[in-house]
Amino acid sequence: MTTRREIAAMIDHTLLKPEATGEQVAALIAQGVELGTFSVCVSPNQLPVEVPEGLRVATVCGFPSGAHATAVKAAEAADSVAKGADEVDMVVNLRQVKEHDWDAVEADVRAVKETVGAALLKVIIESAALTDEEIVAVCQASERAGADYVKTSTGFHPAGGASVHAVRLMRETVGERLGVKASGGIRTAQDALAMVEAGASRLGVSASVAILDGLED
């Protein structure tokens, strides 16, 4: 069984509610340190934030719809990195995905990748809204564009969040070349372990305490 510490080290401890305050973000950071999470993930309007050494800062881009002009996404990502973000989770253009315009999807991701420099780029594909064929194709386009990770979900789409099936399919598609982040609806230790078993290498969760309380060191 994967240990509490190992799962904690895979967690992006997340607070993306638009009404979140600076005080709540400070509490998130303190909790992330206490829990031993990999990072905290906050909205761009919260940046910059101060974190202790060893705790990374992640943010989102084109969130939550992905329906932003590519230039806007690139500018947002560049601004976030300039304000200290170590990682950027961007949302794909779902219209392009649904129209199967894979060249456009690749160009959208590539434009953001080129602006973030050494920062890590995760691509949110909103897997619950896609067919299996679309999941495979958007993962392939993201890889061609230079993404570091593919990620299941924003957690805001009505179609739902992460599923074991989607995570497994994403891992099969990208192999060990890219990371796979499961996010959206992961609330228990059992949920988290199932995602890791399916191939997730990172977990985006807000219920970190509940998840880790269900695990042993």
C-alpha atoms as a PDB file:
ATOM      1  CA  MET A   1       0.000   0.000   0.000  1.00  0.00           C
ATOM      2  CA  THR A   2       1.246   3.467  -0.849  1.00  0.00           C
ATOM      3  CA  THR A   3       2.043   5.412   2.321  1.00  0.00           C
ATOM      4  CA  ARG A   4       0.650   8.675   3.591  1.00  0.00           C
ATOM      5  CA  ARG A   5       3.966  10.402   2.974  1.00  0.00           C
ATOM      6  CA  GLU A   6       4.213   9.107  -0.582  1.00  0.00           C
ATOM      7  CA  ILE A   7       0.701  10.291  -1.446  1.00  0.00           C
ATOM      8  CA  ALA A   8       1.301  13.685   0.201  1.00  0.00           C
ATOM      9  CA  ALA A   9       4.365  14.159  -1.996  1.00  0.00           C
ATOM     10  CA  MET A  10       2.136  13.733  -5.069  1.00  0.00           C
ATOM     11  CA  ILE A  11      -0.487  16.299  -4.036  1.00  0.00           C
ATOM     12  CA  ASP A  12      -1.051  19.763  -5.444  1.00  0.00           C
ATOM     13  CA  HIS A  13      -2.919  21.158  -2.414  1.00  0.00           C
ATOM     14  CA  THR A  14      -5.529  23.241  -4.175  1.00  0.00           C
ATOM     15  CA  LEU A  15      -7.692  26.292  -3.541  1.00  0.00           C
ATOM     16  CA  LEU A  16      -9.283  27.661  -6.711  1.00  0.00           C
ATOM     17  CA  LYS A  17     -12.550  29.096  -5.440  1.00  0.00           C
ATOM     18  CA  PRO A  18     -12.832  32.533  -7.037  1.00  0.00           C
ATOM     19  CA  GLU A  19     -13.881  34.073  -3.724  1.00  0.00           C
ATOM     20  CA  ALA A  20     -10.817  32.744  -1.870  1.00  0.00           C
ATOM     21  CA  THR A  21      -9.061  35.364   0.231  1.00  0.00           C
ATOM     22  CA  GLY A  22      -5.398  35.981   0.879  1.00  0.00           C
ATOM     23  CA  GLU A  23      -5.908  34.778   4.427  1.00  0.00           C
ATOM     24  CA  GLN A  24      -7.299  31.481   3.144  1.00  0.00           C
ATOM     25  CA  VAL A  25      -4.349  31.078   0.778  1.00  0.00           C
ATOM     26  CA  ALA A  26      -1.945  31.674   3.668  1.00  0.00           C
ATOM     27  CA  ALA A  27      -3.753  28.943   5.605  1.00  0.00           C
ATOM     28  CA  LEU A  28      -3.496  26.651   2.551  1.00  0.00           C
ATOM     29  CA  ILE A  29       0.253  27.193   2.405  1.00  0.00           C
ATOM     30  CA  ALA A  30       0.677  26.482   6.110  1.00  0.00           C
ATOM     31  CA  GLN A  31      -1.398  23.343   5.756  1.00  0.00           C
ATOM     32  CA  GLY A  32       0.587  22.225   2.702  1.00  0.00           C
ATOM     33  CA  VAL A  33       3.801  22.519   4.708  1.00  0.00           C
ATOM     34  CA  GLU A  34       2.299  20.598   7.622  1.00  0.00           C
ATOM     35  CA  LEU A  35       0.983  17.836   5.378  1.00  0.00           C
ATOM     36  CA  GLY A  36       4.107  17.581   3.229  1.00  0.00           C
ATOM     37  CA  THR A  37       2.359  18.207  -0.087  1.00  0.00           C
ATOM     38  CA  PHE A  38       4.296  18.712  -3.299  1.00  0.00           C
ATOM     39  CA  SER A  39       2.793  22.121  -4.015  1.00  0.00           C
ATOM     40  CA  VAL A  40      -0.031  24.529  -3.432  1.00  0.00           C
ATOM     41  CA  CYS A  41      -2.201  25.441  -6.408  1.00  0.00           C
ATOM     42  CA  VAL A  42      -3.867  28.856  -6.371  1.00  0.00           C
ATOM     43  CA  SER A  43      -5.543  31.226  -8.804  1.00  0.00           C
ATOM     44  CA  PRO A  44      -3.410  33.770 -10.677  1.00  0.00           C
ATOM     45  CA  ASN A  45      -4.967  36.663  -8.750  1.00  0.00           C
ATOM     46  CA  GLN A  46      -3.341  35.308  -5.580  1.00  0.00           C
ATOM     47  CA  LEU A  47       0.199  35.626  -6.937  1.00  0.00           C
ATOM     48  CA  PRO A  48       2.808  36.276  -5.773  1.00  0.00           C
ATOM     49  CA  VAL A  49       2.736  34.210  -2.593  1.00  0.00           C
ATOM     50  CA  GLU A  50       5.492  33.439  -0.148  1.00  0.00           C
ATOM     51  CA  VAL A  51       6.176  29.774   0.509  1.00  0.00           C
ATOM     52  CA  PRO A  52       8.884  27.973   2.464  1.00  0.00           C
ATOM     53  CA  GLU A  53      11.702  26.343   0.527  1.00  0.00           C
ATOM     54  CA  GLY A  54      10.667  22.971  -0.848  1.00  0.00           C
ATOM     55  CA  LEU A  55       6.996  23.820  -1.403  1.00  0.00           C
ATOM     56  CA  ARG A  56       6.249  24.630  -5.025  1.00  0.00           C
ATOM     57  CA  VAL A  57       3.656  27.071  -6.314  1.00  0.00           C
ATOM     58  CA  ALA A  58       1.254  26.032  -9.065  1.00  0.00           C
ATOM     59  CA  THR A  59      -1.416  28.124 -10.751  1.00  0.00           C
ATOM     60  CA  VAL A  60      -3.977  27.853 -13.539  1.00  0.00           C
ATOM     61  CA  CYS A  61      -4.297  29.426 -16.975  1.00  0.00           C
ATOM     62  CA  GLY A  62      -7.328  29.869 -19.223  1.00  0.00           C
ATOM     63  CA  PHE A  63      -9.302  28.582 -16.281  1.00  0.00           C
ATOM     64  CA  PRO A  64     -11.833  27.063 -16.037  1.00  0.00           C
ATOM     65  CA  SER A  65     -13.304  27.105 -19.562  1.00  0.00           C
ATOM     66  CA  GLY A  66     -10.241  27.102 -21.807  1.00  0.00           C
ATOM     67  CA  ALA A  67     -12.230  29.321 -24.167  1.00  0.00           C
ATOM     68  CA  HIS A  68      -9.675  32.123 -24.162  1.00  0.00           C
ATOM     69  CA  ALA A  69      -7.651  33.453 -27.068  1.00  0.00           C
ATOM     70  CA  THR A  70      -4.254  31.774 -27.247  1.00  0.00           C
ATOM     71  CA  ALA A  71      -2.462  35.102 -26.833  1.00  0.00           C
ATOM     72  CA  VAL A  72      -4.418  35.750 -23.635  1.00  0.00           C
ATOM     73  CA  LYS A  73      -3.474  32.339 -22.225  1.00  0.00           C
ATOM     74  CA  ALA A  74       0.167  32.893 -23.088  1.00  0.00           C
ATOM     75  CA  ALA A  75       0.184  36.338 -21.482  1.00  0.00           C
ATOM     76  CA  GLU A  76      -1.536  35.014 -18.362  1.00  0.00           C
ATOM     77  CA  ALA A  77       0.947  32.162 -18.050  1.00  0.00           C
ATOM     78  CA  ALA A  78       3.922  34.478 -18.542  1.00  0.00           C
ATOM     79  CA  ASP A  79       2.610  36.854 -15.888  1.00  0.00           C
ATOM     80  CA  SER A  80       2.112  34.017 -13.420  1.00  0.00           C
ATOM     81  CA  VAL A  81       5.638  32.702 -13.924  1.00  0.00           C
ATOM     82  CA  ALA A  82       7.013  36.219 -13.512  1.00  0.00           C
ATOM     83  CA  LYS A  83       5.178  36.342 -10.180  1.00  0.00           C
ATOM     84  CA  GLY A  84       6.776  33.136  -8.957  1.00  0.00           C
ATOM     85  CA  ALA A  85       4.673  30.231 -10.238  1.00  0.00           C
ATOM     86  CA  ASP A  86       6.738  27.075 -10.664  1.00  0.00           C
ATOM     87  CA  GLU A  87       3.985  25.224 -12.535  1.00  0.00           C
ATOM     88  CA  VAL A  88       1.086  26.266 -14.772  1.00  0.00           C
ATOM     89  CA  ASP A  89      -2.018  24.154 -15.384  1.00  0.00           C
ATOM     90  CA  MET A  90      -3.648  25.384 -18.605  1.00  0.00           C
ATOM     91  CA  VAL A  91      -7.058  24.415 -19.967  1.00  0.00           C
ATOM     92  CA  VAL A  92      -7.202  23.328 -23.600  1.00  0.00           C
ATOM     93  CA  ASN A  93      -9.534  24.968 -26.087  1.00  0.00           C
ATOM     94  CA  LEU A  94     -12.412  22.499 -25.880  1.00  0.00           C
ATOM     95  CA  ARG A  95     -14.035  23.811 -29.027  1.00  0.00           C
ATOM     96  CA  GLN A  96     -10.898  22.839 -30.939  1.00  0.00           C
ATOM     97  CA  VAL A  97     -10.886  19.438 -29.261  1.00  0.00           C
ATOM     98  CA  LYS A  98     -14.525  18.771 -30.104  1.00  0.00           C
ATOM     99  CA  GLU A  99     -13.947  19.904 -33.687  1.00  0.00           C
ATOM    100  CA  HIS A 100     -10.914  17.600 -33.832  1.00  0.00           C
ATOM    101  CA  ASP A 101      -8.664  20.459 -34.932  1.00  0.00           C
ATOM    102  CA  TRP A 102      -5.563  18.884 -33.477  1.00  0.00           C
ATOM    103  CA  ASP A 103      -3.146  21.286 -35.144  1.00  0.00           C
ATOM    104  CA  ALA A 104      -4.935  24.172 -33.420  1.00  0.00           C
ATOM    105  CA  VAL A 105      -4.898  22.342 -30.071  1.00  0.00           C
ATOM    106  CA  GLU A 106      -1.178  21.760 -30.434  1.00  0.00           C
ATOM    107  CA  ALA A 107      -0.549  25.394 -31.373  1.00  0.00           C
ATOM    108  CA  ASP A 108      -2.538  26.621 -28.350  1.00  0.00           C
ATOM    109  CA  VAL A 109      -0.519  24.473 -25.951  1.00  0.00           C
ATOM    110  CA  ARG A 110       2.783  25.248 -27.652  1.00  0.00           C
ATOM    111  CA  ALA A 111       2.222  28.998 -27.361  1.00  0.00           C
ATOM    112  CA  VAL A 112       1.801  28.685 -23.599  1.00  0.00           C
ATOM    113  CA  LYS A 113       4.739  26.301 -23.270  1.00  0.00           C
ATOM    114  CA  GLU A 114       6.987  28.770 -25.045  1.00  0.00           C
ATOM    115  CA  THR A 115       6.106  31.517 -22.540  1.00  0.00           C
ATOM    116  CA  VAL A 116       6.646  29.562 -19.328  1.00  0.00           C
ATOM    117  CA  GLY A 117      10.327  28.822 -19.820  1.00  0.00           C
ATOM    118  CA  ALA A 118      11.603  26.377 -17.232  1.00  0.00           C
ATOM    119  CA  ALA A 119       8.248  26.234 -15.429  1.00  0.00           C
ATOM    120  CA  LEU A 120       6.367  22.969 -15.707  1.00  0.00           C
ATOM    121  CA  LEU A 121       3.266  22.946 -17.931  1.00  0.00           C
ATOM    122  CA  LYS A 122       0.266  20.707 -17.291  1.00  0.00           C
ATOM    123  CA  VAL A 123      -2.539  20.549 -19.847  1.00  0.00           C
ATOM    124  CA  ILE A 124      -6.067  20.108 -18.508  1.00  0.00           C
ATOM    125  CA  ILE A 125      -8.042  18.145 -21.086  1.00  0.00           C
ATOM    126  CA  GLU A 126     -11.417  17.951 -19.265  1.00  0.00           C
ATOM    127  CA  SER A 127     -11.551  14.190 -19.831  1.00  0.00           C
ATOM    128  CA  ALA A 128     -15.121  13.673 -18.578  1.00  0.00           C
ATOM    129  CA  ALA A 129     -16.383  15.754 -21.507  1.00  0.00           C
ATOM    130  CA  LEU A 130     -14.431  13.743 -24.109  1.00  0.00           C
ATOM    131  CA  THR A 131     -14.660  10.433 -25.924  1.00  0.00           C
ATOM    132  CA  ASP A 132     -11.823   7.944 -25.541  1.00  0.00           C
ATOM    133  CA  GLU A 133     -10.609   8.837 -29.019  1.00  0.00           C
ATOM    134  CA  GLU A 134     -10.559  12.525 -28.112  1.00  0.00           C
ATOM    135  CA  ILE A 135      -8.674  11.823 -24.885  1.00  0.00           C
ATOM    136  CA  VAL A 136      -5.975   9.988 -26.810  1.00  0.00           C
ATOM    137  CA  ALA A 137      -5.724  12.641 -29.527  1.00  0.00           C
ATOM    138  CA  VAL A 138      -5.571  15.619 -27.171  1.00  0.00           C
ATOM    139  CA  CYS A 139      -2.889  13.891 -25.088  1.00  0.00           C
ATOM    140  CA  GLN A 140      -0.881  13.268 -28.247  1.00  0.00           C
ATOM    141  CA  ALA A 141      -1.263  16.902 -29.345  1.00  0.00           C
ATOM    142  CA  SER A 142      -0.183  18.097 -25.894  1.00  0.00           C
ATOM    143  CA  GLU A 143       2.892  15.905 -26.013  1.00  0.00           C
ATOM    144  CA  ARG A 144       3.835  17.182 -29.462  1.00  0.00           C
ATOM    145  CA  ALA A 145       3.498  20.737 -28.136  1.00  0.00           C
ATOM    146  CA  GLY A 146       5.995  20.085 -25.360  1.00  0.00           C
ATOM    147  CA  ALA A 147       3.690  19.709 -22.362  1.00  0.00           C
ATOM    148  CA  ASP A 148       5.149  18.126 -19.245  1.00  0.00           C
ATOM    149  CA  TYR A 149       1.872  16.697 -17.913  1.00  0.00           C
ATOM    150  CA  VAL A 150      -1.649  15.953 -19.022  1.00  0.00           C
ATOM    151  CA  LYS A 151      -4.356  16.505 -16.427  1.00  0.00           C
ATOM    152  CA  THR A 152      -7.883  15.137 -16.290  1.00  0.00           C
ATOM    153  CA  SER A 153     -10.077  17.986 -15.145  1.00  0.00           C
ATOM    154  CA  THR A 154     -10.611  21.473 -13.783  1.00  0.00           C
ATOM    155  CA  GLY A 155     -13.083  20.223 -11.202  1.00  0.00           C
ATOM    156  CA  PHE A 156     -15.511  22.882 -12.455  1.00  0.00           C
ATOM    157  CA  HIS A 157     -17.013  21.170 -15.528  1.00  0.00           C
ATOM    158  CA  PRO A 158     -20.547  19.741 -15.154  1.00  0.00           C
ATOM    159  CA  ALA A 159     -19.464  16.564 -16.973  1.00  0.00           C
ATOM    160  CA  GLY A 160     -17.467  15.575 -13.900  1.00  0.00           C
ATOM    161  CA  GLY A 161     -13.912  15.105 -12.724  1.00  0.00           C
ATOM    162  CA  ALA A 162     -11.291  12.397 -12.851  1.00  0.00           C
ATOM    163  CA  SER A 163     -12.082   8.757 -13.515  1.00  0.00           C
ATOM    164  CA  VAL A 164      -9.907   5.685 -13.227  1.00  0.00           C
ATOM    165  CA  HIS A 165     -10.669   4.878 -16.858  1.00  0.00           C
ATOM    166  CA  ALA A 166      -9.518   8.279 -18.112  1.00  0.00           C
ATOM    167  CA  VAL A 167      -6.332   8.228 -16.030  1.00  0.00           C
ATOM    168  CA  ARG A 168      -5.458   4.752 -17.283  1.00  0.00           C
ATOM    169  CA  LEU A 169      -6.088   5.772 -20.901  1.00  0.00           C
ATOM    170  CA  MET A 170      -4.017   8.933 -20.513  1.00  0.00           C
ATOM    171  CA  ARG A 171      -1.135   6.968 -19.000  1.00  0.00           C
ATOM    172  CA  GLU A 172      -1.295   4.389 -21.787  1.00  0.00           C
ATOM    173  CA  THR A 173      -1.171   7.228 -24.337  1.00  0.00           C
ATOM    174  CA  VAL A 174       1.761   9.189 -22.942  1.00  0.00           C
ATOM    175  CA  GLY A 175       3.680   6.290 -21.411  1.00  0.00           C
ATOM    176  CA  GLU A 176       6.347   7.428 -18.974  1.00  0.00           C
ATOM    177  CA  ARG A 177       7.265  10.401 -21.149  1.00  0.00           C
ATOM    178  CA  LEU A 178       4.782  12.765 -19.490  1.00  0.00           C
ATOM    179  CA  GLY A 179       3.238  12.997 -16.073  1.00  0.00           C
ATOM    180  CA  VAL A 180      -0.468  12.367 -15.541  1.00  0.00           C
ATOM    181  CA  LYS A 181      -2.371  14.456 -13.027  1.00  0.00           C
ATOM    182  CA  ALA A 182      -5.747  13.320 -11.718  1.00  0.00           C
ATOM    183  CA  SER A 183      -7.963  16.113 -10.465  1.00  0.00           C
ATOM    184  CA  GLY A 184     -11.642  16.661  -9.765  1.00  0.00           C
ATOM    185  CA  GLY A 185     -13.772  14.676  -7.330  1.00  0.00           C
ATOM    186  CA  ILE A 186     -10.921  12.956  -5.480  1.00  0.00           C
ATOM    187  CA  ARG A 187     -12.028  13.141  -1.859  1.00  0.00           C
ATOM    188  CA  THR A 188     -10.950   9.965  -0.044  1.00  0.00           C
ATOM    189  CA  ALA A 189      -7.834   7.876   0.416  1.00  0.00           C
ATOM    190  CA  GLN A 190      -9.484   5.151  -1.666  1.00  0.00           C
ATOM    191  CA  ASP A 191     -10.096   7.616  -4.513  1.00  0.00           C
ATOM    192  CA  ALA A 192      -6.481   8.757  -4.419  1.00  0.00           C
ATOM    193  CA  LEU A 193      -5.045   5.244  -4.328  1.00  0.00           C
ATOM    194  CA  ALA A 194      -7.240   4.200  -7.247  1.00  0.00           C
ATOM    195  CA  MET A 195      -5.938   7.090  -9.340  1.00  0.00           C
ATOM    196  CA  VAL A 196      -2.327   6.263  -8.519  1.00  0.00           C
ATOM    197  CA  GLU A 197      -2.935   2.608  -9.343  1.00  0.00           C
ATOM    198  CA  ALA A 198      -4.362   3.696 -12.718  1.00  0.00           C
ATOM    199  CA  GLY A 199      -1.217   5.690 -13.487  1.00  0.00           C
ATOM    200  CA  ALA A 200      -1.523   9.149 -11.912  1.00  0.00           C
ATOM    201  CA  SER A 201       1.782  10.691 -10.870  1.00  0.00           C
ATOM    202  CA  ARG A 202       0.227  13.826  -9.388  1.00  0.00           C
ATOM    203  CA  LEU A 203      -3.077  14.513  -7.623  1.00  0.00           C
ATOM    204  CA  GLY A 204      -4.893  17.831  -7.639  1.00  0.00           C
ATOM    205  CA  VAL A 205      -7.094  17.904  -4.548  1.00  0.00           C
ATOM    206  CA  SER A 206      -8.671  20.276  -2.067  1.00  0.00           C
ATOM    207  CA  ALA A 207      -9.580  17.448   0.337  1.00  0.00           C
ATOM    208  CA  SER A 208      -5.947  16.738   1.186  1.00  0.00           C
ATOM    209  CA  VAL A 209      -6.537  16.393   4.927  1.00  0.00           C
ATOM    210  CA  ALA A 210      -9.354  13.859   4.534  1.00  0.00           C
ATOM    211  CA  ILE A 211      -7.371  11.881   1.989  1.00  0.00           C
ATOM    212  CA  LEU A 212      -4.203  11.730   4.066  1.00  0.00           C
ATOM    213  CA  ASP A 213      -6.080  10.964   7.276  1.00  0.00           C
ATOM    214  CA  GLY A 214      -7.141   7.729   5.608  1.00  0.00           C
ATOM    215  CA  LEU A 215      -3.570   6.569   5.057  1.00  0.00           C
ATOM    216  CA  GLU A 216      -0.760   5.261   7.239  1.00  0.00           C
ATOM    217  CA  ASP A 217       2.921   6.177   7.204  1.00  0.00           C
END
